């Protein structure tokens, strides 16, 4: 049976003509580009899972203390919060946007809960519930404004969300006055609570990931959501109101940021007005490492959550080895740069380059044969 690729270009007698070589070069280029696209670890949750497992194995050999029970108990809650925040960033990036208002929403959510529930007596108290309602309300308004600016006013996402982040920090400082206030004990106890020795935040992060994955992958809304992210013009031509899905992405993402901010406030006990500053770069890096294209389209929410665990464990390893915080930023920045490079690679151009190389090589050989 004749095989595709190089074997298909062979001719009886073993002599290759210029057309055959060109055909071989084209097929090799197509095979290479297709293989590169399909086997990229950035597009597979299995890839980031394998890398995460290898990181834990490396941590065991390099610094076993980073895998101690105390270290893991401290790492998992922060990984869970980053996973929740990164899930929101994934929704926005799937629509071809990017959300730079993450720090503002995460910070403001913690500040609102701490300041408006400082006298809350228990988990059932009205003050805490009302403060959480205020926090989600503020986050939803911010997300809707971002979505309206991007989807309907056609403002560039980086401009709209950066401006919103500045506005949110203005409210943040105005509410807090720069002085942190302790969150209610009930919130701290809930965040610190463990089920079978594992932080409750881990279960919430897993549940949120499963729920969002089901909505995006198994519902009509989710399929249309991904279709709009892949090609908004085509979706509009098919009768889909693309702007609504873009608006929903920013609104839903803001609610996830708020959830992460509230949990972070409970974990820190004294949430600062700038507690969200360290979540912008990691949230984007987790999305890229999880395999979601920065240019929109199909995303991998489960892989994003795994990437959040990877980045948090990397930070844990760096802290225990005294390697310096710069290593974290170097890796996060490199992940984003490599992700942009992989997804902006024009495979058609690569195919043409390889095909042209084959044609030029054949021309040189033909010229050498004629001169001899």
Protein backbone atom coordinates (compact mmCIF):
# COMPACT_ATOMS: atom_id res chain seq x y z
CA UNK A 1 0.00 0.00 0.00
CA UNK A 2 1.42 3.38 -1.00
CA UNK A 3 2.03 5.81 1.84
CA UNK A 4 1.32 9.52 1.82
CA UNK A 5 4.25 11.95 1.80
CA UNK A 6 7.68 11.05 0.55
CA UNK A 7 6.70 7.60 -0.73
CA UNK A 8 3.93 9.04 -2.88
CA UNK A 9 6.49 11.10 -4.83
CA UNK A 10 8.64 8.16 -5.83
CA UNK A 11 8.60 7.08 -9.46
CA UNK A 12 9.58 3.80 -11.08
CA UNK A 13 13.29 3.71 -11.89
CA UNK A 14 14.20 5.96 -8.94
CA UNK A 15 14.71 9.19 -10.99
CA UNK A 16 13.13 12.36 -9.61
CA UNK A 17 12.09 15.22 -11.81
CA UNK A 18 11.84 18.85 -10.77
CA UNK A 19 8.08 18.55 -10.43
CA UNK A 20 8.50 15.53 -8.16
CA UNK A 21 10.95 17.34 -5.90
CA UNK A 22 8.65 20.33 -5.68
CA UNK A 23 5.77 18.03 -4.82
CA UNK A 24 7.85 16.31 -2.13
CA UNK A 25 8.88 19.65 -0.63
CA UNK A 26 5.29 20.83 -0.54
CA UNK A 27 4.09 17.65 1.13
CA UNK A 28 6.88 17.73 3.67
CA UNK A 29 6.09 21.37 4.46
CA UNK A 30 2.40 20.60 4.87
CA UNK A 31 3.13 17.57 7.05
CA UNK A 32 5.57 19.58 9.18
CA UNK A 33 3.19 22.49 9.70
CA UNK A 34 0.24 20.21 10.51
CA UNK A 35 2.34 18.18 12.94
CA UNK A 36 3.64 21.33 14.61
CA UNK A 37 0.13 22.64 15.05
CA UNK A 38 -1.37 19.42 16.38
CA UNK A 39 1.42 18.31 18.68
CA UNK A 40 2.00 21.66 20.36
CA UNK A 41 1.85 21.12 24.10
CA UNK A 42 0.23 24.52 24.47
CA UNK A 43 -2.90 23.11 22.88
CA UNK A 44 -3.16 20.07 25.12
CA UNK A 45 -4.17 19.81 28.74
CA UNK A 46 -2.09 16.63 28.79
CA UNK A 47 0.96 18.70 27.93
CA UNK A 48 0.64 21.14 30.82
CA UNK A 49 -0.33 18.26 33.13
CA UNK A 50 2.87 16.42 32.22
CA UNK A 51 4.97 19.55 32.74
CA UNK A 52 3.30 20.12 36.12
CA UNK A 53 4.04 16.55 37.21
CA UNK A 54 7.66 16.99 36.12
CA UNK A 55 7.86 20.22 38.14
CA UNK A 56 6.69 18.39 41.26
CA UNK A 57 9.23 15.64 40.62
CA UNK A 58 11.96 18.28 40.19
CA UNK A 59 10.82 19.97 43.38
CA UNK A 60 11.17 16.68 45.22
CA UNK A 61 14.78 16.31 44.14
CA UNK A 62 15.84 19.95 44.34
CA UNK A 63 13.97 21.11 47.43
CA UNK A 64 11.88 18.46 49.22
CA UNK A 65 10.71 21.08 51.71
CA UNK A 66 8.55 22.63 48.97
CA UNK A 67 6.43 19.46 48.99
CA UNK A 68 6.04 19.20 52.73
CA UNK A 69 2.57 19.11 54.24
CA UNK A 70 2.89 22.66 55.55
CA UNK A 71 4.17 23.94 52.20
CA UNK A 72 1.39 22.25 50.23
CA UNK A 73 -1.25 23.46 52.69
CA UNK A 74 -0.04 26.99 52.09
CA UNK A 75 0.34 26.61 48.33
CA UNK A 76 -2.99 25.00 47.35
CA UNK A 77 -5.25 27.90 48.46
CA UNK A 78 -3.22 30.40 46.44
CA UNK A 79 -3.19 28.04 43.44
CA UNK A 80 -6.98 27.75 43.72
CA UNK A 81 -7.42 31.52 43.77
CA UNK A 82 -5.13 31.94 40.76
CA UNK A 83 -7.07 29.21 38.94
CA UNK A 84 -10.38 31.02 39.52
CA UNK A 85 -8.93 34.35 38.35
CA UNK A 86 -7.26 32.72 35.33
CA UNK A 87 -10.56 31.08 34.32
CA UNK A 88 -12.03 34.56 34.02
CA UNK A 89 -9.07 35.72 31.96
CA UNK A 90 -9.56 32.68 29.72
CA UNK A 91 -13.13 33.70 28.90
CA UNK A 92 -11.96 37.15 27.84
CA UNK A 93 -9.00 35.90 25.81
CA UNK A 94 -11.26 33.40 24.05
CA UNK A 95 -13.07 36.43 22.64
CA UNK A 96 -9.83 37.84 21.31
CA UNK A 97 -9.48 40.36 24.11
CA UNK A 98 -7.38 40.79 27.21
CA UNK A 99 -8.38 42.06 30.63
CA UNK A 100 -5.98 44.36 32.45
CA UNK A 101 -8.54 45.27 35.11
CA UNK A 102 -7.80 42.06 37.05
CA UNK A 103 -5.73 43.78 39.78
CA UNK A 104 -8.35 46.48 40.35
CA UNK A 105 -11.28 44.07 40.68
CA UNK A 106 -9.40 41.60 42.89
CA UNK A 107 -8.20 44.42 45.17
CA UNK A 108 -11.50 46.28 45.36
CA UNK A 109 -13.46 43.10 46.12
CA UNK A 110 -11.32 42.31 49.15
CA UNK A 111 -11.44 45.90 50.38
CA UNK A 112 -15.25 46.13 50.04
CA UNK A 113 -15.79 42.90 51.97
CA UNK A 114 -13.38 43.88 54.75
CA UNK A 115 -14.67 47.43 55.18
CA UNK A 116 -18.39 46.80 54.90
CA UNK A 117 -18.41 43.72 57.14
CA UNK A 118 -15.91 44.70 59.83
CA UNK A 119 -18.58 44.40 62.55
CA UNK A 120 -20.09 41.19 61.21
CA UNK A 121 -20.72 38.74 64.11
CA UNK A 122 -21.00 35.44 62.25
CA UNK A 123 -21.33 33.63 58.98
CA UNK A 124 -25.05 34.24 58.90
CA UNK A 125 -24.76 37.92 59.68
CA UNK A 126 -26.34 40.37 57.29
CA UNK A 127 -23.23 42.59 57.13
CA UNK A 128 -21.03 39.97 55.51
CA UNK A 129 -23.70 38.92 53.05
CA UNK A 130 -24.38 42.52 52.13
CA UNK A 131 -20.67 43.25 51.72
CA UNK A 132 -20.28 40.27 49.40
CA UNK A 133 -23.29 41.50 47.43
CA UNK A 134 -21.68 44.94 47.12
CA UNK A 135 -18.42 43.38 45.94
CA UNK A 136 -20.09 41.28 43.25
CA UNK A 137 -22.22 44.23 42.22
CA UNK A 138 -19.20 46.48 41.78
CA UNK A 139 -17.35 43.78 39.85
CA UNK A 140 -20.34 43.14 37.58
CA UNK A 141 -20.69 46.85 36.79
CA UNK A 142 -16.98 47.06 35.96
CA UNK A 143 -17.22 44.00 33.72
CA UNK A 144 -20.29 45.29 31.91
CA UNK A 145 -18.61 48.64 31.27
CA UNK A 146 -15.54 46.84 29.91
CA UNK A 147 -17.75 44.70 27.69
CA UNK A 148 -19.77 47.64 26.41
CA UNK A 149 -16.64 49.60 25.57
CA UNK A 150 -15.04 46.67 23.75
CA UNK A 151 -18.05 45.04 22.08
CA UNK A 152 -20.18 48.06 21.19
CA UNK A 153 -17.94 51.15 21.32
CA UNK A 154 -15.10 49.22 19.61
CA UNK A 155 -12.50 50.47 22.08
CA UNK A 156 -9.33 48.37 22.09
CA UNK A 157 -9.51 45.86 24.99
CA UNK A 158 -6.12 46.87 26.36
CA UNK A 159 -7.20 50.53 26.49
CA UNK A 160 -10.66 49.92 27.95
CA UNK A 161 -9.54 47.53 30.68
CA UNK A 162 -6.42 49.51 31.59
CA UNK A 163 -8.55 52.60 32.07
CA UNK A 164 -11.07 50.63 34.12
CA UNK A 165 -8.25 49.32 36.30
CA UNK A 166 -7.19 52.88 37.10
CA UNK A 167 -10.78 53.83 37.98
CA UNK A 168 -11.15 50.79 40.23
CA UNK A 169 -7.95 51.64 42.08
CA UNK A 170 -9.33 55.12 42.62
CA UNK A 171 -12.42 53.66 44.32
CA UNK A 172 -10.21 51.19 46.12
CA UNK A 173 -8.04 53.84 47.74
CA UNK A 174 -11.09 56.01 48.46
CA UNK A 175 -12.85 53.20 50.32
CA UNK A 176 -9.84 51.91 52.22
CA UNK A 177 -7.96 55.15 52.76
CA UNK A 178 -4.84 53.05 52.41
CA UNK A 179 -5.46 51.35 55.76
CA UNK A 180 -6.24 47.62 55.76
CA UNK A 181 -9.10 46.30 57.88
CA UNK A 182 -9.40 42.72 59.07
CA UNK A 183 -12.05 40.57 57.43
CA UNK A 184 -14.62 38.80 59.61
CA UNK A 185 -13.45 35.63 61.32
CA UNK A 186 -16.27 33.72 59.66
CA UNK A 187 -14.83 34.42 56.20
CA UNK A 188 -11.31 33.50 57.29
CA UNK A 189 -12.58 30.28 58.85
CA UNK A 190 -14.43 29.36 55.67
CA UNK A 191 -11.37 29.99 53.50
CA UNK A 192 -9.09 28.08 55.89
CA UNK A 193 -11.49 25.16 56.28
CA UNK A 194 -10.18 21.79 55.07
CA UNK A 195 -12.07 18.79 53.76
CA UNK A 196 -10.12 15.53 54.03
CA UNK A 197 -7.03 17.62 54.63
CA UNK A 198 -7.48 19.68 51.46
CA UNK A 199 -8.42 23.37 51.42
CA UNK A 200 -12.06 24.11 50.64
CA UNK A 201 -10.86 26.56 47.99
CA UNK A 202 -9.44 23.65 45.97
CA UNK A 203 -12.89 22.07 45.77
CA UNK A 204 -14.43 25.40 44.79
CA UNK A 205 -11.82 25.91 42.07
CA UNK A 206 -12.37 22.39 40.71
CA UNK A 207 -16.15 22.80 40.81
CA UNK A 208 -15.93 26.16 39.03
CA UNK A 209 -13.68 24.66 36.35
CA UNK A 210 -16.03 21.72 35.76
CA UNK A 211 -19.08 23.99 35.60
CA UNK A 212 -17.51 26.44 33.15
CA UNK A 213 -16.13 23.62 31.01
CA UNK A 214 -19.60 22.09 30.77
CA UNK A 215 -21.16 25.42 29.81
CA UNK A 216 -18.54 26.21 27.16
CA UNK A 217 -18.18 22.74 25.68
CA UNK A 218 -21.62 21.17 26.07
CA UNK A 219 -24.20 23.92 25.61
CA UNK A 220 -25.43 25.88 22.62
CA UNK A 221 -24.33 29.08 24.34
CA UNK A 222 -20.82 27.71 24.76
CA UNK A 223 -20.49 26.59 21.15
CA UNK A 224 -21.63 29.98 19.94
CA UNK A 225 -19.29 31.62 22.44
CA UNK A 226 -16.31 29.79 20.97
CA UNK A 227 -17.51 30.43 17.40
CA UNK A 228 -17.63 34.16 18.06
CA UNK A 229 -14.14 34.09 19.56
CA UNK A 230 -12.75 32.19 16.58
CA UNK A 231 -14.28 34.48 13.96
CA UNK A 232 -16.73 37.18 14.96
CA UNK A 233 -17.48 38.17 11.35
CA UNK A 234 -18.42 34.66 10.35
CA UNK A 235 -20.55 34.32 13.48
CA UNK A 236 -22.38 37.55 12.62
CA UNK A 237 -22.93 36.33 9.08
CA UNK A 238 -24.52 33.20 10.56
CA UNK A 239 -26.94 35.34 12.55
CA UNK A 240 -25.14 35.20 15.92
CA UNK A 241 -25.07 38.44 17.90
CA UNK A 242 -21.35 38.43 18.58
CA UNK A 243 -21.37 41.54 20.78
CA UNK A 244 -23.55 39.82 23.37
CA UNK A 245 -21.06 37.01 23.85
CA UNK A 246 -18.17 39.45 24.14
CA UNK A 247 -20.14 41.39 26.75
CA UNK A 248 -20.89 38.15 28.62
CA UNK A 249 -17.19 37.24 28.63
CA UNK A 250 -16.13 40.44 30.39
CA UNK A 251 -19.05 40.34 32.83
CA UNK A 252 -18.49 36.69 33.73
CA UNK A 253 -14.75 37.21 34.05
CA UNK A 254 -15.27 40.09 36.48
CA UNK A 255 -17.43 37.91 38.72
CA UNK A 256 -14.67 35.30 38.80
CA UNK A 257 -12.09 37.97 39.67
CA UNK A 258 -14.36 39.13 42.47
CA UNK A 259 -14.69 35.60 43.81
CA UNK A 260 -10.92 35.27 43.82
CA UNK A 261 -10.53 38.66 45.50
CA UNK A 262 -12.94 37.77 48.30
CA UNK A 263 -11.18 34.46 48.94
CA UNK A 264 -7.80 36.18 48.85
CA UNK A 265 -9.01 38.71 51.40
CA UNK A 266 -10.16 35.92 53.69
CA UNK A 267 -6.86 34.13 53.26
CA UNK A 268 -4.78 37.24 53.99
CA UNK A 269 -7.07 38.34 56.89
CA UNK A 270 -5.94 41.93 56.28
CA UNK A 271 -6.50 42.56 52.55
CA UNK A 272 -4.48 45.47 51.24
CA UNK A 273 -5.65 47.98 48.70
CA UNK A 274 -3.22 46.50 46.17
CA UNK A 275 -3.55 42.78 46.84
CA UNK A 276 -4.49 42.10 43.23
CA UNK A 277 -1.28 43.47 41.72
CA UNK A 278 0.37 40.06 41.61
CA UNK A 279 -2.44 38.39 39.65
CA UNK A 280 -2.30 40.09 36.28
CA UNK A 281 0.78 38.46 34.73
CA UNK A 282 0.17 35.00 36.26
CA UNK A 283 -3.44 34.95 35.03
CA UNK A 284 -2.35 35.64 31.46
CA UNK A 285 0.56 33.19 31.71
CA UNK A 286 -1.78 30.46 32.97
CA UNK A 287 -4.09 31.00 30.00
CA UNK A 288 -1.19 30.78 27.54
CA UNK A 289 0.34 27.72 29.20
CA UNK A 290 -3.12 26.14 29.21
CA UNK A 291 -3.26 26.30 25.44
CA UNK A 292 -5.72 29.12 24.76
CA UNK A 293 -4.69 31.29 21.83
CA UNK A 294 -4.19 34.95 22.66
CA UNK A 295 -5.98 35.69 19.39
CA UNK A 296 -9.24 34.09 20.50
CA UNK A 297 -11.17 30.95 19.69
CA UNK A 298 -11.28 27.59 21.40
CA UNK A 299 -9.90 27.55 24.94
CA UNK A 300 -9.00 24.88 27.46
CA UNK A 301 -10.36 25.83 30.87
CA UNK A 302 -9.15 22.67 32.62
CA UNK A 303 -5.64 23.24 31.27
CA UNK A 304 -5.75 26.83 32.54
CA UNK A 305 -6.51 25.57 36.05
CA UNK A 306 -3.64 23.07 35.85
CA UNK A 307 -1.33 25.84 34.64
CA UNK A 308 -2.31 27.90 37.68
CA UNK A 309 -1.15 25.02 39.89
CA UNK A 310 2.08 24.84 37.89
CA UNK A 311 2.83 28.55 38.32
CA UNK A 312 2.06 28.50 42.04
CA UNK A 313 4.28 25.49 42.66
CA UNK A 314 7.00 27.18 40.62
CA UNK A 315 6.73 30.18 42.92
CA UNK A 316 6.89 27.85 45.92
CA UNK A 317 10.04 26.23 44.58
CA UNK A 318 11.64 29.59 43.87
CA UNK A 319 10.89 30.82 47.39
CA UNK A 320 12.38 27.73 49.02
CA UNK A 321 15.54 27.85 46.88
CA UNK A 322 16.08 31.60 47.35
CA UNK A 323 16.40 31.97 43.59
CA UNK A 324 14.72 35.36 43.60
CA UNK A 325 11.36 36.65 42.44
CA UNK A 326 12.90 37.63 39.11
CA UNK A 327 12.89 33.97 38.08
CA UNK A 328 9.10 33.88 38.37
CA UNK A 329 8.65 36.99 36.25
CA UNK A 330 11.16 35.69 33.73
CA UNK A 331 9.25 32.45 33.30
CA UNK A 332 5.83 34.13 33.17
CA UNK A 333 7.01 36.64 30.58
CA UNK A 334 8.69 33.94 28.53
CA UNK A 335 5.51 31.86 28.55
CA UNK A 336 3.50 34.77 27.16
CA UNK A 337 6.11 35.62 24.50
CA UNK A 338 6.39 32.00 23.38
CA UNK A 339 2.62 31.66 23.36
CA UNK A 340 2.22 34.69 21.14
CA UNK A 341 4.96 33.38 18.84
CA UNK A 342 3.39 29.95 18.50
CA UNK A 343 -0.08 31.22 17.76
CA UNK A 344 1.04 34.01 15.45
CA UNK A 345 3.16 31.61 13.39
CA UNK A 346 1.87 31.75 9.84
CA UNK A 347 1.92 28.13 8.84
CA UNK A 348 1.03 28.91 5.24
CA UNK A 349 4.08 31.15 5.00
CA UNK A 350 6.22 28.39 6.45
CA UNK A 351 4.85 25.96 3.88
CA UNK A 352 5.66 28.37 1.06
CA UNK A 353 9.15 28.92 2.43
CA UNK A 354 9.93 25.21 2.47
CA UNK A 355 8.44 24.70 -0.98
CA UNK A 356 10.52 27.59 -2.36
CA UNK A 357 13.62 26.11 -0.79
CA UNK A 358 12.98 22.83 -2.62
CA UNK A 359 12.48 24.59 -5.95
CA UNK A 360 15.68 26.64 -5.59
CA UNK A 361 17.68 23.58 -4.65
CA UNK A 362 16.40 21.72 -7.71
CA UNK A 363 17.24 24.71 -9.92
CA UNK A 364 20.82 24.78 -8.62
CA UNK A 365 21.19 21.07 -9.30
CA UNK A 366 19.81 21.46 -12.82
CA UNK A 367 22.22 24.35 -13.48
CA UNK A 368 25.16 22.28 -12.28
CA UNK A 369 24.19 19.31 -14.47
CA UNK A 370 23.88 21.50 -17.60
CA UNK A 371 27.28 23.16 -17.02
CA UNK A 372 28.97 19.80 -16.64
